[in-house]
Structures are given as structure tokens and as C-alpha cells.
C-alpha atoms as a PDB file:
ATOM      1  CA  MET A   1       0.238  -0.170  -0.095  1.00  0.00           C
ATOM      2  CA  PRO A   2       0.877   3.358  -0.467  1.00  0.00           C
ATOM      3  CA  ILE A   3       2.313   5.800   1.599  1.00  0.00           C
ATOM      4  CA  ALA A   4       2.582  10.129   0.351  1.00  0.00           C
ATOM      5  CA  VAL A   5       4.737  11.992   1.820  1.00  0.00           C
ATOM      6  CA  GLY A   6       4.988  15.297   1.297  1.00  0.00           C
ATOM      7  CA  TYR A   7       9.136  15.566   2.212  1.00  0.00           C
ATOM      8  CA  SER A   8      11.863  13.973  -0.134  1.00  0.00           C
ATOM      9  CA  HIS A   9      12.468  12.533   4.054  1.00  0.00           C
ATOM     10  CA  LEU A  10      10.686  11.064   7.002  1.00  0.00           C
ATOM     11  CA  PHE A  11      11.714  13.061  10.301  1.00  0.00           C
ATOM     12  CA  ARG A  12      10.364  13.781  14.094  1.00  0.00           C
ATOM     13  CA  GLY A  13       6.440  15.441  14.038  1.00  0.00           C
ATOM     14  CA  LEU A  14       5.651  13.688   9.924  1.00  0.00           C
ATOM     15  CA  THR A  15       2.575  12.155  10.603  1.00  0.00           C
ATOM     16  CA  LEU A  16       1.788  10.443   7.521  1.00  0.00           C
ATOM     17  CA  GLU A  17      -1.229   8.987   6.811  1.00  0.00           C
ATOM     18  CA  PHE A  18      -2.324   5.327   5.445  1.00  0.00           C
ATOM     19  CA  ASP A  19      -4.078   2.134   5.213  1.00  0.00           C
ATOM     20  CA  SER A  20      -4.656   0.599   8.819  1.00  0.00           C
ATOM     21  CA  GLU A  21      -5.548  -2.635   7.401  1.00  0.00           C
ATOM     22  CA  ALA A  22      -1.823  -3.324   5.793  1.00  0.00           C
ATOM     23  CA  GLY A  23       1.836  -4.597   7.735  1.00  0.00           C
ATOM     24  CA  GLU A  24       4.332  -3.333   4.781  1.00  0.00           C
ATOM     25  CA  TYR A  25       3.483   0.304   2.780  1.00  0.00           C
ATOM     26  CA  GLU A  26       5.918   1.464  -0.198  1.00  0.00           C
ATOM     27  CA  LEU A  27       6.269   5.166   0.996  1.00  0.00           C
ATOM     28  CA  HIS A  28       6.266   7.495  -1.468  1.00  0.00           C
ATOM     29  CA  PHE A  29       8.450  11.001  -1.286  1.00  0.00           C
ATOM     30  CA  ALA A  30       7.650  13.830  -3.113  1.00  0.00           C
ATOM     31  CA  ASP A  31      10.986  14.411  -4.715  1.00  0.00           C
ATOM     32  CA  GLY A  32      10.391  11.303  -6.603  1.00  0.00           C
ATOM     33  CA  SER A  33      11.913   8.853  -5.215  1.00  0.00           C
ATOM     34  CA  GLN A  34      10.299   5.371  -3.002  1.00  0.00           C
ATOM     35  CA  SER A  35      11.411   3.157  -0.086  1.00  0.00           C
ATOM     36  CA  ARG A  36      10.225  -0.527   1.621  1.00  0.00           C
ATOM     37  CA  ALA A  37       8.623   0.059   5.172  1.00  0.00           C
ATOM     38  CA  ALA A  38       6.873  -1.743   7.782  1.00  0.00           C
ATOM     39  CA  LEU A  39       4.687  -1.449  10.871  1.00  0.00           C
ATOM     40  CA  LEU A  40       5.366  -2.664  13.554  1.00  0.00           C
ATOM     41  CA  HIS A  41       4.926  -3.584  17.096  1.00  0.00           C
ATOM     42  CA  ASP A  42       7.222  -4.914  20.155  1.00  0.00           C
ATOM     43  CA  GLU A  43       6.249  -7.449  22.594  1.00  0.00           C
ATOM     44  CA  SER A  44       3.828  -4.408  24.876  1.00  0.00           C
ATOM     45  CA  GLY A  45       2.513  -3.040  21.390  1.00  0.00           C
ATOM     46  CA  THR A  46       4.224   0.261  21.314  1.00  0.00           C
ATOM     47  CA  PRO A  47       3.654   0.640  16.965  1.00  0.00           C
ATOM     48  CA  ALA A  48       7.171   1.465  15.346  1.00  0.00           C
ATOM     49  CA  LEU A  49       7.717   1.981  11.358  1.00  0.00           C
ATOM     50  CA  GLN A  50      10.479   0.311   9.836  1.00  0.00           C
ATOM     51  CA  VAL A  51      11.985   2.228   6.854  1.00  0.00           C
ATOM     52  CA  ASP A  52      14.514   0.429   4.104  1.00  0.00           C
ATOM     53  CA  ALA A  53      17.802   2.934   3.319  1.00  0.00           C
ATOM     54  CA  TYR A  54      17.141   4.778  -0.354  1.00  0.00           C
ATOM     55  CA  ALA A  55      18.618   7.685  -1.758  1.00  0.00           C
ATOM     56  CA  THR A  56      16.883  11.162  -2.565  1.00  0.00           C
ATOM     57  CA  ALA A  57      15.934  13.297  -5.426  1.00  0.00           C
ATOM     58  CA  ALA A  58      19.117  14.977  -5.542  1.00  0.00           C
ATOM     59  CA  GLY A  59      21.714  11.768  -4.749  1.00  0.00           C
ATOM     60  CA  THR A  60      21.809  11.902  -0.535  1.00  0.00           C
ATOM     61  CA  ALA A  61      21.525   8.179   0.893  1.00  0.00           C
ATOM     62  CA  ILE A  62      19.542   7.629   3.261  1.00  0.00           C
ATOM     63  CA  PRO A  63      19.678   4.625   5.729  1.00  0.00           C
ATOM     64  CA  GLU A  64      17.713   2.288   7.056  1.00  0.00           C
ATOM     65  CA  ARG A  65      15.631   3.442  10.154  1.00  0.00           C
ATOM     66  CA  LEU A  66      13.106   2.163  12.382  1.00  0.00           C
ATOM     67  CA  TRP A  67      11.744   4.980  13.781  1.00  0.00           C
ATOM     68  CA  THR A  68       9.651   5.466  16.431  1.00  0.00           C
ATOM     69  CA  ILE A  69       5.523   5.851  16.110  1.00  0.00           C
ATOM     70  CA  VAL A  70       3.951   8.571  19.553  1.00  0.00           C
ATOM     71  CA  SER A  71       0.914   8.745  18.242  1.00  0.00           C
ATOM     72  CA  THR A  72      -1.715   7.949  15.657  1.00  0.00           C
ATOM     73  CA  HIS A  73      -5.808   7.673  15.554  1.00  0.00           C
ATOM     74  CA  ARG A  74      -7.535   5.214  13.556  1.00  0.00           C
ATOM     75  CA  ASP A  75     -10.958   6.569  11.612  1.00  0.00           C
ATOM     76  CA  ARG A  76     -12.337   4.532   9.113  1.00  0.00           C
ATOM     77  CA  GLY A  77     -10.433   2.174   8.075  1.00  0.00           C
ATOM     78  CA  ARG A  78      -7.385   5.210   8.126  1.00  0.00           C
ATOM     79  CA  THR A  79      -4.258   5.543  11.093  1.00  0.00           C
ATOM     80  CA  ARG A  80      -3.229   9.378  10.559  1.00  0.00           C
ATOM     81  CA  ALA A  81       0.146   8.267  13.198  1.00  0.00           C
ATOM     82  CA  THR A  82       3.215  10.957  14.497  1.00  0.00           C
ATOM     83  CA  LEU A  83       6.226   9.801  13.854  1.00  0.00           C
ATOM     84  CA  GLY A  84       9.274  10.028  17.177  1.00  0.00           C
ATOM     85  CA  GLN A  85      12.796   9.490  17.110  1.00  0.00           C
ATOM     86  CA  ALA A  86      15.114   7.634  14.124  1.00  0.00           C
ATOM     87  CA  LEU A  87      16.843   4.536  16.374  1.00  0.00           C
END
């Protein structure tokens, strides 16, 4: 499932909206670059977003990262998740 990202990279405080039922996603960044991502949960149910490495359209290498999710809101099969820090 695709997730549109309005920037060329992810950052703390960014809110993403995606299909609640999918677990794997394709991130489509504003500069045309793409990456794969997976929604994970630890033993306590806390969510995080695992994002594969990718390169921006300008050629900047972005390493694989695990992003904490500091808040979520579900509505009609969609989730809005706000990113915390990258681990």
C-alpha cells in the first residue's frame, strides 16, 4: 500500500496517513524517490515504522531506520501516525 510523504525524507513530528489493515507499505516521497516500510509492534504493542534505505532524488543516501511512533489515530480504516525519533 502506498503512503504519500510530502517531503524528500522522514523526520520527527511528521504525520503519515495510511491504510490501517496493511502491514507493509511503499513510501512515495515528494522528490520522486521511494522506499519500503513496515509497521512493527513490540511485545507491549507499541508501534514503530521500519524504513528501508533509499536515496533521495538529489542523491543523498538515507540509511535504514526504525522510527518510533508517538501518537496514532484510527478512523474509517485509516491510521494517522506521528513519528518520534529514529532509533
